[in-house]
C-alpha atoms as a PDB file:
ATOM      1  CA  UNK A   1     -31.860 -32.808 -45.245  1.00  0.00           C
ATOM      2  CA  UNK A   2     -33.014 -36.388 -45.656  1.00  0.00           C
ATOM      3  CA  UNK A   3     -31.063 -38.474 -48.136  1.00  0.00           C
ATOM      4  CA  UNK A   4     -32.729 -41.366 -50.014  1.00  0.00           C
ATOM      5  CA  UNK A   5     -30.775 -44.324 -48.674  1.00  0.00           C
ATOM      6  CA  UNK A   6     -32.558 -47.649 -48.943  1.00  0.00           C
ATOM      7  CA  UNK A   7     -32.116 -51.153 -47.612  1.00  0.00           C
ATOM      8  CA  UNK A   8     -33.219 -53.902 -49.978  1.00  0.00           C
ATOM      9  CA  UNK A   9     -34.129 -56.988 -47.979  1.00  0.00           C
ATOM     10  CA  UNK A  10     -31.090 -57.634 -45.822  1.00  0.00           C
ATOM     11  CA  UNK A  11     -28.784 -55.535 -48.038  1.00  0.00           C
ATOM     12  CA  UNK A  12     -28.033 -52.220 -46.328  1.00  0.00           C
ATOM     13  CA  UNK A  13     -25.679 -49.426 -47.348  1.00  0.00           C
ATOM     14  CA  UNK A  14     -22.702 -48.582 -45.152  1.00  0.00           C
ATOM     15  CA  UNK A  15     -21.738 -44.935 -45.412  1.00  0.00           C
ATOM     16  CA  UNK A  16     -18.792 -43.516 -43.480  1.00  0.00           C
ATOM     17  CA  UNK A  17     -19.881 -40.596 -41.272  1.00  0.00           C
ATOM     18  CA  UNK A  18     -17.323 -38.340 -42.984  1.00  0.00           C
ATOM     19  CA  UNK A  19     -18.696 -39.076 -46.463  1.00  0.00           C
ATOM     20  CA  UNK A  20     -21.123 -36.689 -48.148  1.00  0.00           C
ATOM     21  CA  UNK A  21     -24.199 -37.977 -49.975  1.00  0.00           C
ATOM     22  CA  UNK A  22     -26.230 -35.216 -51.620  1.00  0.00           C
ATOM     23  CA  UNK A  23     -29.960 -35.311 -50.809  1.00  0.00           C
ATOM     24  CA  UNK A  24     -30.790 -35.824 -54.496  1.00  0.00           C
ATOM     25  CA  UNK A  25     -28.560 -38.903 -54.878  1.00  0.00           C
ATOM     26  CA  UNK A  26     -29.932 -42.417 -54.316  1.00  0.00           C
ATOM     27  CA  UNK A  27     -28.086 -45.251 -52.559  1.00  0.00           C
ATOM     28  CA  UNK A  28     -29.709 -48.704 -52.529  1.00  0.00           C
ATOM     29  CA  UNK A  29     -28.655 -52.048 -51.058  1.00  0.00           C
ATOM     30  CA  UNK A  30     -25.112 -53.404 -50.788  1.00  0.00           C
ATOM     31  CA  UNK A  31     -23.152 -50.181 -51.128  1.00  0.00           C
ATOM     32  CA  UNK A  32     -20.153 -49.094 -49.046  1.00  0.00           C
ATOM     33  CA  UNK A  33     -18.908 -45.503 -49.215  1.00  0.00           C
ATOM     34  CA  UNK A  34     -15.566 -44.559 -47.623  1.00  0.00           C
ATOM     35  CA  UNK A  35     -14.424 -41.536 -45.630  1.00  0.00           C
ATOM     36  CA  UNK A  36     -14.340 -38.131 -47.336  1.00  0.00           C
ATOM     37  CA  UNK A  37     -15.984 -39.515 -50.455  1.00  0.00           C
ATOM     38  CA  UNK A  38     -18.849 -37.678 -52.094  1.00  0.00           C
ATOM     39  CA  UNK A  39     -21.945 -38.709 -54.025  1.00  0.00           C
ATOM     40  CA  UNK A  40     -23.458 -35.810 -55.987  1.00  0.00           C
ATOM     41  CA  UNK A  41     -26.980 -34.874 -57.240  1.00  0.00           C
ATOM     42  CA  UNK A  42     -28.738 -37.417 -59.410  1.00  0.00           C
ATOM     43  CA  UNK A  43     -26.158 -40.152 -58.857  1.00  0.00           C
ATOM     44  CA  UNK A  44     -27.628 -43.627 -58.355  1.00  0.00           C
ATOM     45  CA  UNK A  45     -25.662 -46.399 -56.649  1.00  0.00           C
ATOM     46  CA  UNK A  46     -27.792 -49.548 -56.855  1.00  0.00           C
ATOM     47  CA  UNK A  47     -26.330 -52.581 -55.127  1.00  0.00           C
ATOM     48  CA  UNK A  48     -29.280 -54.901 -55.612  1.00  0.00           C
ATOM     49  CA  UNK A  49     -27.645 -57.922 -57.283  1.00  0.00           C
ATOM     50  CA  UNK A  50     -24.075 -57.651 -56.007  1.00  0.00           C
ATOM     51  CA  UNK A  51     -22.080 -55.059 -54.108  1.00  0.00           C
ATOM     52  CA  UNK A  52     -20.651 -51.635 -54.826  1.00  0.00           C
ATOM     53  CA  UNK A  53     -17.652 -50.356 -52.884  1.00  0.00           C
ATOM     54  CA  UNK A  54     -16.416 -46.763 -53.048  1.00  0.00           C
ATOM     55  CA  UNK A  55     -13.063 -46.032 -51.396  1.00  0.00           C
ATOM     56  CA  UNK A  56     -11.949 -42.911 -49.549  1.00  0.00           C
ATOM     57  CA  UNK A  57     -11.733 -39.393 -51.052  1.00  0.00           C
ATOM     58  CA  UNK A  58     -13.568 -40.479 -54.207  1.00  0.00           C
ATOM     59  CA  UNK A  59     -16.231 -38.403 -55.935  1.00  0.00           C
ATOM     60  CA  UNK A  60     -19.164 -39.890 -57.831  1.00  0.00           C
ATOM     61  CA  UNK A  61     -20.470 -36.892 -59.719  1.00  0.00           C
ATOM     62  CA  UNK A  62     -23.867 -35.744 -60.945  1.00  0.00           C
ATOM     63  CA  UNK A  63     -26.150 -38.236 -62.711  1.00  0.00           C
ATOM     64  CA  UNK A  64     -23.666 -41.095 -62.683  1.00  0.00           C
ATOM     65  CA  UNK A  65     -25.070 -44.624 -62.417  1.00  0.00           C
ATOM     66  CA  UNK A  66     -23.210 -47.418 -60.648  1.00  0.00           C
ATOM     67  CA  UNK A  67     -24.729 -50.874 -60.842  1.00  0.00           C
ATOM     68  CA  UNK A  68     -23.431 -54.402 -60.458  1.00  0.00           C
ATOM     69  CA  UNK A  69     -24.129 -57.971 -61.462  1.00  0.00           C
ATOM     70  CA  UNK A  70     -24.451 -61.051 -59.258  1.00  0.00           C
ATOM     71  CA  UNK A  71     -21.023 -62.198 -60.511  1.00  0.00           C
ATOM     72  CA  UNK A  72     -19.126 -58.916 -60.840  1.00  0.00           C
ATOM     73  CA  UNK A  73     -19.102 -56.199 -58.166  1.00  0.00           C
ATOM     74  CA  UNK A  74     -18.427 -52.569 -58.963  1.00  0.00           C
ATOM     75  CA  UNK A  75     -15.406 -51.340 -57.041  1.00  0.00           C
ATOM     76  CA  UNK A  76     -13.940 -47.837 -57.128  1.00  0.00           C
ATOM     77  CA  UNK A  77     -10.753 -47.285 -55.132  1.00  0.00           C
ATOM     78  CA  UNK A  78      -9.410 -44.392 -53.087  1.00  0.00           C
ATOM     79  CA  UNK A  79      -8.658 -40.954 -54.570  1.00  0.00           C
ATOM     80  CA  UNK A  80     -10.733 -41.374 -57.717  1.00  0.00           C
ATOM     81  CA  UNK A  81     -12.774 -38.904 -59.720  1.00  0.00           C
ATOM     82  CA  UNK A  82     -15.857 -40.331 -61.445  1.00  0.00           C
ATOM     83  CA  UNK A  83     -17.185 -37.538 -63.656  1.00  0.00           C
ATOM     84  CA  UNK A  84     -20.695 -36.491 -64.577  1.00  0.00           C
ATOM     85  CA  UNK A  85     -23.062 -38.946 -66.309  1.00  0.00           C
ATOM     86  CA  UNK A  86     -20.711 -41.940 -66.015  1.00  0.00           C
ATOM     87  CA  UNK A  87     -21.991 -45.546 -66.090  1.00  0.00           C
ATOM     88  CA  UNK A  88     -19.932 -48.112 -64.183  1.00  0.00           C
ATOM     89  CA  UNK A  89     -21.123 -51.714 -64.051  1.00  0.00           C
ATOM     90  CA  UNK A  90     -19.321 -54.819 -62.846  1.00  0.00           C
ATOM     91  CA  UNK A  91     -15.868 -53.237 -63.149  1.00  0.00           C
ATOM     92  CA  UNK A  92     -12.914 -52.334 -60.945  1.00  0.00           C
ATOM     93  CA  UNK A  93     -11.419 -48.853 -60.898  1.00  0.00           C
ATOM     94  CA  UNK A  94      -8.223 -48.968 -58.852  1.00  0.00           C
ATOM     95  CA  UNK A  95      -6.851 -46.135 -56.687  1.00  0.00           C
ATOM     96  CA  UNK A  96      -6.058 -42.749 -58.179  1.00  0.00           C
ATOM     97  CA  UNK A  97      -8.049 -42.905 -61.417  1.00  0.00           C
ATOM     98  CA  UNK A  98     -10.177 -40.423 -63.317  1.00  0.00           C
ATOM     99  CA  UNK A  99     -13.254 -41.597 -65.218  1.00  0.00           C
ATOM    100  CA  UNK A 100     -14.251 -38.802 -67.601  1.00  0.00           C
ATOM    101  CA  UNK A 101     -17.708 -37.338 -68.113  1.00  0.00           C
ATOM    102  CA  UNK A 102     -20.152 -39.445 -70.081  1.00  0.00           C
ATOM    103  CA  UNK A 103     -17.983 -42.544 -70.197  1.00  0.00           C
ATOM    104  CA  UNK A 104     -19.184 -46.139 -69.869  1.00  0.00           C
ATOM    105  CA  UNK A 105     -17.062 -48.815 -68.186  1.00  0.00           C
ATOM    106  CA  UNK A 106     -18.481 -52.324 -68.433  1.00  0.00           C
ATOM    107  CA  UNK A 107     -18.161 -55.835 -67.025  1.00  0.00           C
ATOM    108  CA  UNK A 108     -14.827 -57.161 -65.813  1.00  0.00           C
ATOM    109  CA  UNK A 109     -12.930 -54.050 -66.926  1.00  0.00           C
ATOM    110  CA  UNK A 110      -9.847 -53.248 -64.830  1.00  0.00           C
ATOM    111  CA  UNK A 111      -8.805 -49.594 -64.756  1.00  0.00           C
ATOM    112  CA  UNK A 112      -5.430 -49.674 -62.998  1.00  0.00           C
ATOM    113  CA  UNK A 113      -3.983 -47.023 -60.686  1.00  0.00           C
ATOM    114  CA  UNK A 114      -3.242 -43.666 -62.232  1.00  0.00           C
ATOM    115  CA  UNK A 115      -5.210 -44.361 -65.417  1.00  0.00           C
ATOM    116  CA  UNK A 116      -7.730 -42.081 -67.075  1.00  0.00           C
ATOM    117  CA  UNK A 117     -10.828 -43.029 -69.047  1.00  0.00           C
ATOM    118  CA  UNK A 118     -11.473 -40.039 -71.306  1.00  0.00           C
ATOM    119  CA  UNK A 119     -14.819 -38.284 -71.610  1.00  0.00           C
ATOM    120  CA  UNK A 120     -17.373 -40.275 -73.619  1.00  0.00           C
ATOM    121  CA  UNK A 121     -15.138 -43.347 -73.879  1.00  0.00           C
ATOM    122  CA  UNK A 122     -16.833 -46.751 -73.972  1.00  0.00           C
ATOM    123  CA  UNK A 123     -14.634 -49.359 -72.298  1.00  0.00           C
ATOM    124  CA  UNK A 124     -15.938 -52.761 -73.352  1.00  0.00           C
ATOM    125  CA  UNK A 125     -16.051 -55.985 -71.319  1.00  0.00           C
ATOM    126  CA  UNK A 126     -12.716 -57.490 -70.215  1.00  0.00           C
ATOM    127  CA  UNK A 127     -10.591 -54.487 -71.224  1.00  0.00           C
ATOM    128  CA  UNK A 128      -7.544 -53.670 -69.104  1.00  0.00           C
ATOM    129  CA  UNK A 129      -6.476 -50.034 -68.851  1.00  0.00           C
ATOM    130  CA  UNK A 130      -2.890 -50.185 -67.531  1.00  0.00           C
ATOM    131  CA  UNK A 131      -1.462 -47.911 -64.836  1.00  0.00           C
ATOM    132  CA  UNK A 132      -0.868 -44.488 -66.362  1.00  0.00           C
ATOM    133  CA  UNK A 133      -2.862 -45.420 -69.457  1.00  0.00           C
ATOM    134  CA  UNK A 134      -5.480 -43.349 -71.221  1.00  0.00           C
ATOM    135  CA  UNK A 135      -8.601 -45.004 -72.678  1.00  0.00           C
ATOM    136  CA  UNK A 136     -10.184 -42.940 -75.466  1.00  0.00           C
ATOM    137  CA  UNK A 137     -12.986 -43.416 -77.974  1.00  0.00           C
ATOM    138  CA  UNK A 138     -15.915 -45.732 -78.548  1.00  0.00           C
ATOM    139  CA  UNK A 139     -14.960 -48.491 -78.352  1.00  0.00           C
ATOM    140  CA  UNK A 140     -12.002 -47.333 -76.300  1.00  0.00           C
ATOM    141  CA  UNK A 141      -8.444 -47.740 -77.456  1.00  0.00           C
ATOM    142  CA  UNK A 142      -5.603 -47.633 -74.945  1.00  0.00           C
ATOM    143  CA  UNK A 143      -2.763 -45.134 -75.098  1.00  0.00           C
ATOM    144  CA  UNK A 144      -0.144 -46.297 -72.615  1.00  0.00           C
ATOM    145  CA  UNK A 145       1.624 -43.721 -70.472  1.00  0.00           C
ATOM    146  CA  UNK A 146      -0.624 -40.854 -71.597  1.00  0.00           C
ATOM    147  CA  UNK A 147      -2.575 -40.177 -68.359  1.00  0.00           C
ATOM    148  CA  UNK A 148      -1.745 -36.891 -66.647  1.00  0.00           C
ATOM    149  CA  UNK A 149      -1.596 -37.554 -62.874  1.00  0.00           C
ATOM    150  CA  UNK A 150      -2.034 -33.831 -62.124  1.00  0.00           C
ATOM    151  CA  UNK A 151      -5.554 -33.942 -63.588  1.00  0.00           C
ATOM    152  CA  UNK A 152      -6.443 -36.725 -61.174  1.00  0.00           C
ATOM    153  CA  UNK A 153      -4.867 -35.081 -58.095  1.00  0.00           C
ATOM    154  CA  UNK A 154      -6.520 -31.713 -58.776  1.00  0.00           C
ATOM    155  CA  UNK A 155      -9.921 -33.333 -59.267  1.00  0.00           C
ATOM    156  CA  UNK A 156      -9.661 -35.354 -56.058  1.00  0.00           C
ATOM    157  CA  UNK A 157      -8.591 -32.317 -54.006  1.00  0.00           C
ATOM    158  CA  UNK A 158     -11.334 -30.099 -55.433  1.00  0.00           C
ATOM    159  CA  UNK A 159     -14.111 -32.564 -54.658  1.00  0.00           C
ATOM    160  CA  UNK A 160     -12.860 -33.393 -51.155  1.00  0.00           C
ATOM    161  CA  UNK A 161     -12.895 -29.658 -50.376  1.00  0.00           C
ATOM    162  CA  UNK A 162     -16.304 -29.156 -51.975  1.00  0.00           C
ATOM    163  CA  UNK A 163     -17.811 -32.078 -50.046  1.00  0.00           C
ATOM    164  CA  UNK A 164     -16.557 -30.630 -46.752  1.00  0.00           C
ATOM    165  CA  UNK A 165     -18.450 -27.379 -47.308  1.00  0.00           C
ATOM    166  CA  UNK A 166     -21.744 -28.815 -48.501  1.00  0.00           C
ATOM    167  CA  UNK A 167     -23.065 -30.292 -45.224  1.00  0.00           C
ATOM    168  CA  UNK A 168     -22.990 -26.862 -43.554  1.00  0.00           C
ATOM    169  CA  UNK A 169     -23.653 -24.569 -46.518  1.00  0.00           C
ATOM    170  CA  UNK A 170     -26.290 -26.445 -48.536  1.00  0.00           C
ATOM    171  CA  UNK A 171     -29.830 -25.414 -47.714  1.00  0.00           C
ATOM    172  CA  UNK A 172     -33.048 -25.953 -49.596  1.00  0.00           C
ATOM    173  CA  UNK A 173     -34.882 -22.698 -50.320  1.00  0.00           C
ATOM    174  CA  UNK A 174     -37.791 -23.911 -52.421  1.00  0.00           C
END
């Protein structure tokens, strides 16, 4: 199935051959997607002003929007789970993080390894979520040492497995 992947001028996406991009996702411009990562239906990765980099074994789930600014790239590390309807813009999510459904992570935010941004949290500009921390609420407050690493590991494993089956099992019937 064709996938909407677009160059924008001289900005072209780089997608590892072992990554899965669902045919209803959109990837535009300066976007790099690592091995065994997955981009799910309705997700939009728009690298028109700066770049977006997705590491390995990371899932960007349904209807999430990743954008960037000319000054601040959007970087998501290896072994991350970015839940449904998440907005990431101009932030860095380090390896092994979970970004919960419906959350918003804004400019210059640093989500350090092993941290979790809870569902519907709004992480405002310049916030630092420490390793193992949990960001909750709107605006988010930080609860140090409260992230459960098992939630992250299970989510990563489930989406890597799911993305392996989709290229051979997904078929359009209508």
